[in-house]
């Protein structure tokens, strides 16, 4: 289930976002979390089953929802959680704006789209 980030989940969210390749140090990670806390155009969602297993960050920009961060706990990767998060984000924003990827998430989003298309055949 996709839930909105709140301050009480800060350490969990930071841990998940630290798995993103572009997050190379703690200072960068703190800046990203600070932006999600303070900028109303930045939305962070967490994937919760029994535990919180993933994070997906979306930036609202020029009438679009840009998926800029996607991260899944390494011990739960390749189980479809990332794809489920992307589908839920698209559902969340579908009546508001188009959802697209940024450079950092583009290849993952394309992979999700290909897997979804092939599973519908």
PDB file of N, CA and C in Angstrom:
ATOM      1  N   UNK A   1       0.839  -1.172   0.000  1.00  0.00           N
ATOM      2  CA  UNK A   1       0.000   0.000   0.000  1.00  0.00           C
ATOM      3  C   UNK A   1       0.891   1.244   0.000  1.00  0.00           C
ATOM      4  N   UNK A   2       0.512   2.199  -0.816  1.00  0.00           N
ATOM      5  CA  UNK A   2       1.258   3.450  -0.907  1.00  0.00           C
ATOM      6  C   UNK A   2       0.737   4.428   0.145  1.00  0.00           C
ATOM      7  N   UNK A   3       1.633   4.957   0.962  1.00  0.00           N
ATOM      8  CA  UNK A   3       1.251   5.931   1.990  1.00  0.00           C
ATOM      9  C   UNK A   3       2.106   7.188   1.827  1.00  0.00           C
ATOM     10  N   UNK A   4       1.582   8.293   2.290  1.00  0.00           N
ATOM     11  CA  UNK A   4       2.343   9.548   2.246  1.00  0.00           C
ATOM     12  C   UNK A   4       3.422   9.556   3.317  1.00  0.00           C
ATOM     13  N   UNK A   5       4.560  10.120   2.950  1.00  0.00           N
ATOM     14  CA  UNK A   5       5.657  10.306   3.898  1.00  0.00           C
ATOM     15  C   UNK A   5       5.226  11.290   4.977  1.00  0.00           C
ATOM     16  N   UNK A   6       5.622  11.011   6.198  1.00  0.00           N
ATOM     17  CA  UNK A   6       5.495  11.995   7.272  1.00  0.00           C
ATOM     18  C   UNK A   6       6.780  11.969   8.084  1.00  0.00           C
ATOM     19  N   UNK A   7       6.992  13.010   8.825  1.00  0.00           N
ATOM     20  CA  UNK A   7       8.252  13.221   9.549  1.00  0.00           C
ATOM     21  C   UNK A   7       8.645  12.028  10.423  1.00  0.00           C
ATOM     22  N   UNK A   8       7.679  11.333  10.971  1.00  0.00           N
ATOM     23  CA  UNK A   8       7.999  10.188  11.838  1.00  0.00           C
ATOM     24  C   UNK A   8       8.668   9.041  11.072  1.00  0.00           C
ATOM     25  N   UNK A   9       8.582   9.063   9.739  1.00  0.00           N
ATOM     26  CA  UNK A   9       9.225   8.047   8.902  1.00  0.00           C
ATOM     27  C   UNK A   9      10.555   8.524   8.325  1.00  0.00           C
ATOM     28  N   UNK A  10      11.077   9.634   8.832  1.00  0.00           N
ATOM     29  CA  UNK A  10      12.259  10.251   8.228  1.00  0.00           C
ATOM     30  C   UNK A  10      13.447   9.288   8.110  1.00  0.00           C
ATOM     31  N   UNK A  11      13.794   8.598   9.172  1.00  0.00           N
ATOM     32  CA  UNK A  11      14.970   7.714   9.128  1.00  0.00           C
ATOM     33  C   UNK A  11      14.766   6.560   8.155  1.00  0.00           C
ATOM     34  N   UNK A  12      13.573   6.015   8.116  1.00  0.00           N
ATOM     35  CA  UNK A  12      13.285   4.931   7.173  1.00  0.00           C
ATOM     36  C   UNK A  12      13.392   5.448   5.745  1.00  0.00           C
ATOM     37  N   UNK A  13      12.803   6.622   5.486  1.00  0.00           N
ATOM     38  CA  UNK A  13      12.857   7.208   4.143  1.00  0.00           C
ATOM     39  C   UNK A  13      14.294   7.512   3.739  1.00  0.00           C
ATOM     40  N   UNK A  14      15.074   8.050   4.658  1.00  0.00           N
ATOM     41  CA  UNK A  14      16.478   8.337   4.352  1.00  0.00           C
ATOM     42  C   UNK A  14      17.232   7.049   4.029  1.00  0.00           C
ATOM     43  N   UNK A  15      16.958   6.001   4.778  1.00  0.00           N
ATOM     44  CA  UNK A  15      17.602   4.721   4.506  1.00  0.00           C
ATOM     45  C   UNK A  15      17.265   4.202   3.123  1.00  0.00           C
ATOM     46  N   UNK A  16      16.003   4.291   2.748  1.00  0.00           N
ATOM     47  CA  UNK A  16      15.592   3.816   1.427  1.00  0.00           C
ATOM     48  C   UNK A  16      16.180   4.676   0.312  1.00  0.00           C
ATOM     49  N   UNK A  17      16.129   5.994   0.473  1.00  0.00           N
ATOM     50  CA  UNK A  17      16.668   6.880  -0.566  1.00  0.00           C
ATOM     51  C   UNK A  17      18.180   6.764  -0.686  1.00  0.00           C
ATOM     52  N   UNK A  18      18.842   6.312   0.364  1.00  0.00           N
ATOM     53  CA  UNK A  18      20.301   6.169   0.296  1.00  0.00           C
ATOM     54  C   UNK A  18      20.722   5.097  -0.708  1.00  0.00           C
ATOM     55  N   UNK A  19      19.797   4.242  -1.126  1.00  0.00           N
ATOM     56  CA  UNK A  19      20.109   3.224  -2.132  1.00  0.00           C
ATOM     57  C   UNK A  19      20.092   3.776  -3.551  1.00  0.00           C
ATOM     58  N   UNK A  20      19.623   5.014  -3.721  1.00  0.00           N
ATOM     59  CA  UNK A  20      19.612   5.630  -5.056  1.00  0.00           C
ATOM     60  C   UNK A  20      21.041   5.950  -5.469  1.00  0.00           C
ATOM     61  N   UNK A  21      21.424   5.648  -6.716  1.00  0.00           N
ATOM     62  CA  UNK A  21      22.813   5.860  -7.151  1.00  0.00           C
ATOM     63  C   UNK A  21      23.298   7.308  -7.049  1.00  0.00           C
ATOM     64  N   UNK A  22      22.393   8.269  -7.249  1.00  0.00           N
ATOM     65  CA  UNK A  22      22.838   9.666  -7.224  1.00  0.00           C
ATOM     66  C   UNK A  22      22.998  10.221  -5.813  1.00  0.00           C
ATOM     67  N   UNK A  23      22.564   9.477  -4.809  1.00  0.00           N
ATOM     68  CA  UNK A  23      22.712   9.908  -3.418  1.00  0.00           C
ATOM     69  C   UNK A  23      24.034   9.341  -2.907  1.00  0.00           C
ATOM     70  N   UNK A  24      25.048  10.194  -2.901  1.00  0.00           N
ATOM     71  CA  UNK A  24      26.402   9.719  -2.611  1.00  0.00           C
ATOM     72  C   UNK A  24      26.884  10.036  -1.200  1.00  0.00           C
ATOM     73  N   UNK A  25      26.165  10.912  -0.490  1.00  0.00           N
ATOM     74  CA  UNK A  25      26.612  11.250   0.863  1.00  0.00           C
ATOM     75  C   UNK A  25      25.428  11.670   1.727  1.00  0.00           C
ATOM     76  N   UNK A  26      25.662  11.727   3.008  1.00  0.00           N
ATOM     77  CA  UNK A  26      24.603  12.051   3.971  1.00  0.00           C
ATOM     78  C   UNK A  26      24.066  13.460   3.753  1.00  0.00           C
ATOM     79  N   UNK A  27      24.930  14.402   3.414  1.00  0.00           N
ATOM     80  CA  UNK A  27      24.491  15.786   3.209  1.00  0.00           C
ATOM     81  C   UNK A  27      23.472  15.863   2.071  1.00  0.00           C
ATOM     82  N   UNK A  28      23.746  15.179   0.970  1.00  0.00           N
ATOM     83  CA  UNK A  28      22.813  15.161  -0.159  1.00  0.00           C
ATOM     84  C   UNK A  28      21.486  14.547   0.267  1.00  0.00           C
ATOM     85  N   UNK A  29      21.555  13.464   1.005  1.00  0.00           N
ATOM     86  CA  UNK A  29      20.362  12.786   1.490  1.00  0.00           C
ATOM     87  C   UNK A  29      19.535  13.704   2.392  1.00  0.00           C
ATOM     88  N   UNK A  30      20.193  14.420   3.284  1.00  0.00           N
ATOM     89  CA  UNK A  30      19.493  15.356   4.169  1.00  0.00           C
ATOM     90  C   UNK A  30      18.840  16.483   3.374  1.00  0.00           C
ATOM     91  N   UNK A  31      19.512  16.963   2.333  1.00  0.00           N
ATOM     92  CA  UNK A  31      18.941  18.021   1.491  1.00  0.00           C
ATOM     93  C   UNK A  31      17.693  17.530   0.762  1.00  0.00           C
ATOM     94  N   UNK A  32      17.739  16.289   0.279  1.00  0.00           N
ATOM     95  CA  UNK A  32      16.582  15.718  -0.414  1.00  0.00           C
ATOM     96  C   UNK A  32      15.400  15.603   0.545  1.00  0.00           C
ATOM     97  N   UNK A  33      15.629  15.061   1.724  1.00  0.00           N
ATOM     98  CA  UNK A  33      14.550  14.920   2.713  1.00  0.00           C
ATOM     99  C   UNK A  33      14.014  16.291   3.122  1.00  0.00           C
ATOM    100  N   UNK A  34      14.895  17.261   3.306  1.00  0.00           N
ATOM    101  CA  UNK A  34      14.478  18.622   3.660  1.00  0.00           C
ATOM    102  C   UNK A  34      13.568  19.201   2.568  1.00  0.00           C
ATOM    103  N   UNK A  35      13.900  18.929   1.310  1.00  0.00           N
ATOM    104  CA  UNK A  35      13.076  19.428   0.198  1.00  0.00           C
ATOM    105  C   UNK A  35      11.688  18.771   0.232  1.00  0.00           C
ATOM    106  N   UNK A  36      11.633  17.473   0.492  1.00  0.00           N
ATOM    107  CA  UNK A  36      10.330  16.804   0.602  1.00  0.00           C
ATOM    108  C   UNK A  36       9.527  17.349   1.781  1.00  0.00           C
ATOM    109  N   UNK A  37      10.203  17.722   2.861  1.00  0.00           N
ATOM    110  CA  UNK A  37       9.522  18.285   4.030  1.00  0.00           C
ATOM    111  C   UNK A  37       8.974  19.685   3.773  1.00  0.00           C
ATOM    112  N   UNK A  38       9.701  20.486   3.005  1.00  0.00           N
ATOM    113  CA  UNK A  38       9.372  21.909   2.914  1.00  0.00           C
ATOM    114  C   UNK A  38       8.731  22.348   1.599  1.00  0.00           C
ATOM    115  N   UNK A  39       8.938  21.625   0.527  1.00  0.00           N
ATOM    116  CA  UNK A  39       8.447  22.053  -0.780  1.00  0.00           C
ATOM    117  C   UNK A  39       7.125  21.344  -1.092  1.00  0.00           C
ATOM    118  N   UNK A  40       6.034  22.099  -1.216  1.00  0.00           N
ATOM    119  CA  UNK A  40       4.738  21.459  -1.477  1.00  0.00           C
ATOM    120  C   UNK A  40       4.664  20.774  -2.842  1.00  0.00           C
ATOM    121  N   UNK A  41       5.587  21.085  -3.740  1.00  0.00           N
ATOM    122  CA  UNK A  41       5.607  20.441  -5.052  1.00  0.00           C
ATOM    123  C   UNK A  41       6.389  19.129  -5.055  1.00  0.00           C
ATOM    124  N   UNK A  42       7.019  18.801  -3.945  1.00  0.00           N
ATOM    125  CA  UNK A  42       7.754  17.534  -3.816  1.00  0.00           C
ATOM    126  C   UNK A  42       6.938  16.615  -2.913  1.00  0.00           C
ATOM    127  N   UNK A  43       6.593  15.443  -3.424  1.00  0.00           N
ATOM    128  CA  UNK A  43       5.768  14.480  -2.696  1.00  0.00           C
ATOM    129  C   UNK A  43       6.520  13.167  -2.561  1.00  0.00           C
ATOM    130  N   UNK A  44       6.675  12.694  -1.343  1.00  0.00           N
ATOM    131  CA  UNK A  44       7.336  11.422  -1.100  1.00  0.00           C
ATOM    132  C   UNK A  44       6.298  10.431  -0.584  1.00  0.00           C
ATOM    133  N   UNK A  45       6.278   9.266  -1.219  1.00  0.00           N
ATOM    134  CA  UNK A  45       5.374   8.197  -0.822  1.00  0.00           C
ATOM    135  C   UNK A  45       6.209   6.991  -0.401  1.00  0.00           C
ATOM    136  N   UNK A  46       5.666   6.223   0.521  1.00  0.00           N
ATOM    137  CA  UNK A  46       6.342   5.023   0.999  1.00  0.00           C
ATOM    138  C   UNK A  46       5.456   3.817   0.716  1.00  0.00           C
ATOM    139  N   UNK A  47       6.099   2.690   0.422  1.00  0.00           N
ATOM    140  CA  UNK A  47       5.360   1.451   0.191  1.00  0.00           C
ATOM    141  C   UNK A  47       5.390   0.637   1.476  1.00  0.00           C
ATOM    142  N   UNK A  48       4.197   0.358   2.000  1.00  0.00           N
ATOM    143  CA  UNK A  48       4.093  -0.343   3.283  1.00  0.00           C
ATOM    144  C   UNK A  48       3.336  -1.643   3.099  1.00  0.00           C
ATOM    145  N   UNK A  49       3.969  -2.711   3.511  1.00  0.00           N
ATOM    146  CA  UNK A  49       3.281  -3.991   3.658  1.00  0.00           C
ATOM    147  C   UNK A  49       3.231  -4.198   5.166  1.00  0.00           C
ATOM    148  N   UNK A  50       3.904  -5.177   5.707  1.00  0.00           N
ATOM    149  CA  UNK A  50       4.029  -5.218   7.171  1.00  0.00           C
ATOM    150  C   UNK A  50       5.023  -4.149   7.618  1.00  0.00           C
ATOM    151  N   UNK A  51       6.071  -3.989   6.840  1.00  0.00           N
ATOM    152  CA  UNK A  51       7.086  -2.959   7.078  1.00  0.00           C
ATOM    153  C   UNK A  51       7.102  -2.010   5.885  1.00  0.00           C
ATOM    154  N   UNK A  52       7.810  -0.912   6.027  1.00  0.00           N
ATOM    155  CA  UNK A  52       8.004   0.002   4.900  1.00  0.00           C
ATOM    156  C   UNK A  52       9.157  -0.546   4.072  1.00  0.00           C
ATOM    157  N   UNK A  53       8.877  -0.828   2.794  1.00  0.00           N
ATOM    158  CA  UNK A  53       9.841  -1.514   1.937  1.00  0.00           C
ATOM    159  C   UNK A  53      10.333  -0.681   0.767  1.00  0.00           C
ATOM    160  N   UNK A  54       9.663   0.436   0.469  1.00  0.00           N
ATOM    161  CA  UNK A  54      10.059   1.224  -0.686  1.00  0.00           C
ATOM    162  C   UNK A  54       9.681   2.678  -0.543  1.00  0.00           C
ATOM    163  N   UNK A  55      10.267   3.482  -1.432  1.00  0.00           N
ATOM    164  CA  UNK A  55       9.975   4.918  -1.470  1.00  0.00           C
ATOM    165  C   UNK A  55       9.926   5.364  -2.920  1.00  0.00           C
ATOM    166  N   UNK A  56       9.021   6.280  -3.204  1.00  0.00           N
ATOM    167  CA  UNK A  56       8.945   6.881  -4.533  1.00  0.00           C
ATOM    168  C   UNK A  56       8.686   8.373  -4.344  1.00  0.00           C
ATOM    169  N   UNK A  57       9.524   9.184  -4.989  1.00  0.00           N
ATOM    170  CA  UNK A  57       9.425  10.631  -4.867  1.00  0.00           C
ATOM    171  C   UNK A  57       8.968  11.259  -6.167  1.00  0.00           C
ATOM    172  N   UNK A  58       8.036  12.195  -6.058  1.00  0.00           N
ATOM    173  CA  UNK A  58       7.428  12.833  -7.219  1.00  0.00           C
ATOM    174  C   UNK A  58       7.526  14.343  -7.068  1.00  0.00           C
ATOM    175  N   UNK A  59       7.955  14.994  -8.150  1.00  0.00           N
ATOM    176  CA  UNK A  59       8.062  16.451  -8.187  1.00  0.00           C
ATOM    177  C   UNK A  59       7.001  16.966  -9.159  1.00  0.00           C
ATOM    178  N   UNK A  60       6.146  17.882  -8.698  1.00  0.00           N
ATOM    179  CA  UNK A  60       5.155  18.504  -9.572  1.00  0.00           C
ATOM    180  C   UNK A  60       5.811  19.673 -10.283  1.00  0.00           C
ATOM    181  N   UNK A  61       5.714  19.653 -11.618  1.00  0.00           N
ATOM    182  CA  UNK A  61       6.445  20.643 -12.408  1.00  0.00           C
ATOM    183  C   UNK A  61       5.779  20.799 -13.772  1.00  0.00           C
ATOM    184  N   UNK A  62       5.444  22.018 -14.137  1.00  0.00           N
ATOM    185  CA  UNK A  62       4.885  22.318 -15.460  1.00  0.00           C
ATOM    186  C   UNK A  62       3.689  21.433 -15.803  1.00  0.00           C
ATOM    187  N   UNK A  63       2.805  21.223 -14.847  1.00  0.00           N
ATOM    188  CA  UNK A  63       1.615  20.428 -15.098  1.00  0.00           C
ATOM    189  C   UNK A  63       1.853  18.932 -15.196  1.00  0.00           C
ATOM    190  N   UNK A  64       3.003  18.485 -14.755  1.00  0.00           N
ATOM    191  CA  UNK A  64       3.336  17.056 -14.785  1.00  0.00           C
ATOM    192  C   UNK A  64       3.783  16.600 -13.405  1.00  0.00           C
ATOM    193  N   UNK A  65       3.623  15.317 -13.165  1.00  0.00           N
ATOM    194  CA  UNK A  65       4.175  14.683 -11.965  1.00  0.00           C
ATOM    195  C   UNK A  65       5.398  13.903 -12.430  1.00  0.00           C
ATOM    196  N   UNK A  66       6.574  14.359 -12.022  1.00  0.00           N
ATOM    197  CA  UNK A  66       7.834  13.765 -12.469  1.00  0.00           C
ATOM    198  C   UNK A  66       8.351  12.833 -11.375  1.00  0.00           C
ATOM    199  N   UNK A  67       8.433  11.542 -11.699  1.00  0.00           N
ATOM    200  CA  UNK A  67       8.963  10.571 -10.743  1.00  0.00           C
ATOM    201  C   UNK A  67      10.476  10.730 -10.725  1.00  0.00           C
ATOM    202  N   UNK A  68      11.004  11.172  -9.587  1.00  0.00           N
ATOM    203  CA  UNK A  68      12.431  11.487  -9.509  1.00  0.00           C
ATOM    204  C   UNK A  68      13.222  10.543  -8.609  1.00  0.00           C
ATOM    205  N   UNK A  69      12.563   9.824  -7.737  1.00  0.00           N
ATOM    206  CA  UNK A  69      13.237   8.858  -6.864  1.00  0.00           C
ATOM    207  C   UNK A  69      12.398   7.584  -6.788  1.00  0.00           C
ATOM    208  N   UNK A  70      13.045   6.450  -6.940  1.00  0.00           N
ATOM    209  CA  UNK A  70      12.406   5.150  -6.735  1.00  0.00           C
ATOM    210  C   UNK A  70      13.427   4.265  -6.038  1.00  0.00           C
ATOM    211  N   UNK A  71      13.047   3.706  -4.910  1.00  0.00           N
ATOM    212  CA  UNK A  71      13.975   2.851  -4.178  1.00  0.00           C
ATOM    213  C   UNK A  71      13.203   1.770  -3.428  1.00  0.00           C
ATOM    214  N   UNK A  72      13.751   0.557  -3.479  1.00  0.00           N
ATOM    215  CA  UNK A  72      13.167  -0.577  -2.767  1.00  0.00           C
ATOM    216  C   UNK A  72      14.258  -1.198  -1.906  1.00  0.00           C
ATOM    217  N   UNK A  73      13.889  -1.602  -0.710  1.00  0.00           N
ATOM    218  CA  UNK A  73      14.819  -2.300   0.178  1.00  0.00           C
ATOM    219  C   UNK A  73      15.469  -3.441  -0.611  1.00  0.00           C
ATOM    220  N   UNK A  74      16.798  -3.527  -0.612  1.00  0.00           N
ATOM    221  CA  UNK A  74      17.484  -4.541  -1.424  1.00  0.00           C
ATOM    222  C   UNK A  74      17.016  -5.975  -1.183  1.00  0.00           C
ATOM    223  N   UNK A  75      16.621  -6.307   0.018  1.00  0.00           N
ATOM    224  CA  UNK A  75      16.178  -7.681   0.275  1.00  0.00           C
ATOM    225  C   UNK A  75      14.779  -7.964  -0.275  1.00  0.00           C
ATOM    226  N   UNK A  76      14.110  -6.937  -0.809  1.00  0.00           N
ATOM    227  CA  UNK A  76      12.771  -7.111  -1.379  1.00  0.00           C
ATOM    228  C   UNK A  76      12.720  -6.719  -2.851  1.00  0.00           C
ATOM    229  N   UNK A  77      13.863  -6.582  -3.484  1.00  0.00           N
ATOM    230  CA  UNK A  77      13.892  -6.230  -4.907  1.00  0.00           C
ATOM    231  C   UNK A  77      13.513  -7.437  -5.755  1.00  0.00           C
ATOM    232  N   UNK A  78      13.122  -7.142  -6.982  1.00  0.00           N
ATOM    233  CA  UNK A  78      12.702  -8.170  -7.950  1.00  0.00           C
ATOM    234  C   UNK A  78      11.471  -8.939  -7.482  1.00  0.00           C
ATOM    235  N   UNK A  79      10.639  -8.274  -6.697  1.00  0.00           N
ATOM    236  CA  UNK A  79       9.378  -8.881  -6.257  1.00  0.00           C
ATOM    237  C   UNK A  79       8.172  -8.096  -6.770  1.00  0.00           C
ATOM    238  N   UNK A  80       8.408  -7.044  -7.560  1.00  0.00           N
ATOM    239  CA  UNK A  80       7.319  -6.256  -8.128  1.00  0.00           C
ATOM    240  C   UNK A  80       6.929  -5.035  -7.318  1.00  0.00           C
ATOM    241  N   UNK A  81       7.603  -4.777  -6.214  1.00  0.00           N
ATOM    242  CA  UNK A  81       7.243  -3.623  -5.377  1.00  0.00           C
ATOM    243  C   UNK A  81       7.457  -2.313  -6.130  1.00  0.00           C
ATOM    244  N   UNK A  82       8.574  -2.170  -6.804  1.00  0.00           N
ATOM    245  CA  UNK A  82       8.842  -0.944  -7.561  1.00  0.00           C
ATOM    246  C   UNK A  82       7.771  -0.689  -8.602  1.00  0.00           C
ATOM    247  N   UNK A  83       7.403  -1.731  -9.346  1.00  0.00           N
ATOM    248  CA  UNK A  83       6.370  -1.596 -10.373  1.00  0.00           C
ATOM    249  C   UNK A  83       5.034  -1.217  -9.733  1.00  0.00           C
ATOM    250  N   UNK A  84       4.697  -1.841  -8.605  1.00  0.00           N
ATOM    251  CA  UNK A  84       3.445  -1.506  -7.918  1.00  0.00           C
ATOM    252  C   UNK A  84       3.439  -0.044  -7.467  1.00  0.00           C
ATOM    253  N   UNK A  85       4.570   0.433  -6.962  1.00  0.00           N
ATOM    254  CA  UNK A  85       4.646   1.837  -6.530  1.00  0.00           C
ATOM    255  C   UNK A  85       4.388   2.765  -7.714  1.00  0.00           C
ATOM    256  N   UNK A  86       5.003   2.466  -8.866  1.00  0.00           N
ATOM    257  CA  UNK A  86       4.820   3.306 -10.054  1.00  0.00           C
ATOM    258  C   UNK A  86       3.352   3.312 -10.468  1.00  0.00           C
ATOM    259  N   UNK A  87       2.708   2.146 -10.486  1.00  0.00           N
ATOM    260  CA  UNK A  87       1.289   2.077 -10.853  1.00  0.00           C
ATOM    261  C   UNK A  87       0.425   2.877  -9.886  1.00  0.00           C
ATOM    262  N   UNK A  88       0.709   2.792  -8.601  1.00  0.00           N
ATOM    263  CA  UNK A  88      -0.084   3.532  -7.609  1.00  0.00           C
ATOM    264  C   UNK A  88       0.123   5.041  -7.736  1.00  0.00           C
ATOM    265  N   UNK A  89       1.352   5.462  -8.016  1.00  0.00           N
ATOM    266  CA  UNK A  89       1.608   6.895  -8.222  1.00  0.00           C
ATOM    267  C   UNK A  89       0.836   7.380  -9.443  1.00  0.00           C
ATOM    268  N   UNK A  90       0.866   6.600 -10.508  1.00  0.00           N
ATOM    269  CA  UNK A  90       0.102   6.983 -11.707  1.00  0.00           C
ATOM    270  C   UNK A  90      -1.386   7.080 -11.389  1.00  0.00           C
ATOM    271  N   UNK A  91      -1.916   6.126 -10.640  1.00  0.00           N
ATOM    272  CA  UNK A  91      -3.326   6.177 -10.240  1.00  0.00           C
ATOM    273  C   UNK A  91      -3.612   7.419  -9.404  1.00  0.00           C
ATOM    274  N   UNK A  92      -2.703   7.745  -8.496  1.00  0.00           N
ATOM    275  CA  UNK A  92      -2.882   8.888  -7.599  1.00  0.00           C
ATOM    276  C   UNK A  92      -2.988  10.209  -8.373  1.00  0.00           C
ATOM    277  N   UNK A  93      -2.174  10.359  -9.409  1.00  0.00           N
ATOM    278  CA  UNK A  93      -2.119  11.626 -10.140  1.00  0.00           C
ATOM    279  C   UNK A  93      -2.911  11.623 -11.446  1.00  0.00           C
ATOM    280  N   UNK A  94      -3.560  10.513 -11.812  1.00  0.00           N
ATOM    281  CA  UNK A  94      -4.148  10.385 -13.148  1.00  0.00           C
ATOM    282  C   UNK A  94      -5.184  11.455 -13.486  1.00  0.00           C
ATOM    283  N   UNK A  95      -5.939  11.922 -12.521  1.00  0.00           N
ATOM    284  CA  UNK A  95      -6.953  12.938 -12.792  1.00  0.00           C
ATOM    285  C   UNK A  95      -6.412  14.356 -12.678  1.00  0.00           C
ATOM    286  N   UNK A  96      -5.161  14.483 -12.265  1.00  0.00           N
ATOM    287  CA  UNK A  96      -4.568  15.798 -12.018  1.00  0.00           C
ATOM    288  C   UNK A  96      -3.589  16.193 -13.115  1.00  0.00           C
ATOM    289  N   UNK A  97      -2.710  15.265 -13.489  1.00  0.00           N
ATOM    290  CA  UNK A  97      -1.670  15.602 -14.456  1.00  0.00           C
ATOM    291  C   UNK A  97      -1.042  14.336 -15.025  1.00  0.00           C
ATOM    292  N   UNK A  98      -0.240  14.511 -16.070  1.00  0.00           N
ATOM    293  CA  UNK A  98       0.516  13.401 -16.642  1.00  0.00           C
ATOM    294  C   UNK A  98       1.645  13.024 -15.696  1.00  0.00           C
ATOM    295  N   UNK A  99       1.976  11.755 -15.668  1.00  0.00           N
ATOM    296  CA  UNK A  99       3.083  11.256 -14.852  1.00  0.00           C
ATOM    297  C   UNK A  99       4.194  10.823 -15.794  1.00  0.00           C
ATOM    298  N   UNK A 100       5.408  11.270 -15.506  1.00  0.00           N
ATOM    299  CA  UNK A 100       6.555  10.909 -16.338  1.00  0.00           C
ATOM    300  C   UNK A 100       7.773  10.691 -15.445  1.00  0.00           C
ATOM    301  N   UNK A 101       8.841  10.242 -16.068  1.00  0.00           N
ATOM    302  CA  UNK A 101      10.088   9.982 -15.339  1.00  0.00           C
ATOM    303  C   UNK A 101      11.073  11.109 -15.577  1.00  0.00           C
ATOM    304  N   UNK A 102      12.034  11.251 -14.668  1.00  0.00           N
ATOM    305  CA  UNK A 102      13.161  12.138 -14.946  1.00  0.00           C
ATOM    306  C   UNK A 102      14.333  11.257 -15.381  1.00  0.00           C
ATOM    307  N   UNK A 103      15.468  11.868 -15.600  1.00  0.00           N
ATOM    308  CA  UNK A 103      16.632  11.135 -16.108  1.00  0.00           C
ATOM    309  C   UNK A 103      17.026   9.992 -15.177  1.00  0.00           C
ATOM    310  N   UNK A 104      16.956  10.214 -13.870  1.00  0.00           N
ATOM    311  CA  UNK A 104      17.398   9.207 -12.896  1.00  0.00           C
ATOM    312  C   UNK A 104      16.488   7.983 -12.855  1.00  0.00           C
ATOM    313  N   UNK A 105      15.214   8.143 -13.190  1.00  0.00           N
ATOM    314  CA  UNK A 105      14.269   7.027 -13.067  1.00  0.00           C
ATOM    315  C   UNK A 105      13.765   6.511 -14.412  1.00  0.00           C
ATOM    316  N   UNK A 106      14.180   7.148 -15.490  1.00  0.00           N
ATOM    317  CA  UNK A 106      13.639   6.834 -16.813  1.00  0.00           C
ATOM    318  C   UNK A 106      13.773   5.357 -17.196  1.00  0.00           C
ATOM    319  N   UNK A 107      14.947   4.779 -17.024  1.00  0.00           N
ATOM    320  CA  UNK A 107      15.134   3.386 -17.450  1.00  0.00           C
ATOM    321  C   UNK A 107      14.280   2.432 -16.607  1.00  0.00           C
ATOM    322  N   UNK A 108      14.142   2.710 -15.324  1.00  0.00           N
ATOM    323  CA  UNK A 108      13.313   1.855 -14.476  1.00  0.00           C
ATOM    324  C   UNK A 108      11.842   1.955 -14.879  1.00  0.00           C
ATOM    325  N   UNK A 109      11.364   3.167 -15.140  1.00  0.00           N
ATOM    326  CA  UNK A 109       9.963   3.363 -15.531  1.00  0.00           C
ATOM    327  C   UNK A 109       9.696   2.656 -16.856  1.00  0.00           C
ATOM    328  N   UNK A 110      10.627   2.769 -17.802  1.00  0.00           N
ATOM    329  CA  UNK A 110      10.473   2.082 -19.087  1.00  0.00           C
ATOM    330  C   UNK A 110      10.388   0.571 -18.879  1.00  0.00           C
ATOM    331  N   UNK A 111      11.217   0.037 -18.000  1.00  0.00           N
ATOM    332  CA  UNK A 111      11.197  -1.401 -17.703  1.00  0.00           C
ATOM    333  C   UNK A 111       9.842  -1.801 -17.112  1.00  0.00           C
ATOM    334  N   UNK A 112       9.317  -0.997 -16.214  1.00  0.00           N
ATOM    335  CA  UNK A 112       7.998  -1.274 -15.629  1.00  0.00           C
ATOM    336  C   UNK A 112       6.923  -1.288 -16.711  1.00  0.00           C
ATOM    337  N   UNK A 113       6.992  -0.317 -17.627  1.00  0.00           N
ATOM    338  CA  UNK A 113       6.010  -0.237 -18.709  1.00  0.00           C
ATOM    339  C   UNK A 113       6.099  -1.458 -19.622  1.00  0.00           C
ATOM    340  N   UNK A 114       7.322  -1.889 -19.941  1.00  0.00           N
ATOM    341  CA  UNK A 114       7.508  -3.070 -20.792  1.00  0.00           C
ATOM    342  C   UNK A 114       6.956  -4.317 -20.114  1.00  0.00           C
ATOM    343  N   UNK A 115       7.238  -4.480 -18.826  1.00  0.00           N
ATOM    344  CA  UNK A 115       6.747  -5.650 -18.092  1.00  0.00           C
ATOM    345  C   UNK A 115       5.227  -5.639 -18.000  1.00  0.00           C
ATOM    346  N   UNK A 116       4.641  -4.459 -17.811  1.00  0.00           N
ATOM    347  CA  UNK A 116       3.185  -4.358 -17.739  1.00  0.00           C
ATOM    348  C   UNK A 116       2.563  -4.704 -19.083  1.00  0.00           C
ATOM    349  N   UNK A 117       3.165  -4.201 -20.163  1.00  0.00           N
ATOM    350  CA  UNK A 117       2.644  -4.473 -21.502  1.00  0.00           C
ATOM    351  C   UNK A 117       2.730  -5.964 -21.828  1.00  0.00           C
ATOM    352  N   UNK A 118       3.844  -6.598 -21.485  1.00  0.00           N
ATOM    353  CA  UNK A 118       4.004  -8.021 -21.799  1.00  0.00           C
ATOM    354  C   UNK A 118       3.095  -8.900 -20.938  1.00  0.00           C
ATOM    355  N   UNK A 119       2.778  -8.464 -19.729  1.00  0.00           N
ATOM    356  CA  UNK A 119       1.900  -9.261 -18.870  1.00  0.00           C
ATOM    357  C   UNK A 119       0.439  -9.153 -19.300  1.00  0.00           C
ATOM    358  N   UNK A 120       0.118  -8.140 -20.109  1.00  0.00           N
ATOM    359  CA  UNK A 120      -1.255  -7.969 -20.575  1.00  0.00           C
ATOM    360  C   UNK A 120      -1.523  -8.733 -21.862  1.00  0.00           C
ATOM    361  N   UNK A 121      -0.482  -9.295 -22.464  1.00  0.00           N
ATOM    362  CA  UNK A 121      -0.663 -10.043 -23.717  1.00  0.00           C
ATOM    363  C   UNK A 121      -1.360 -11.361 -23.496  1.00  0.00           C
TER     364      UNK A 121
END
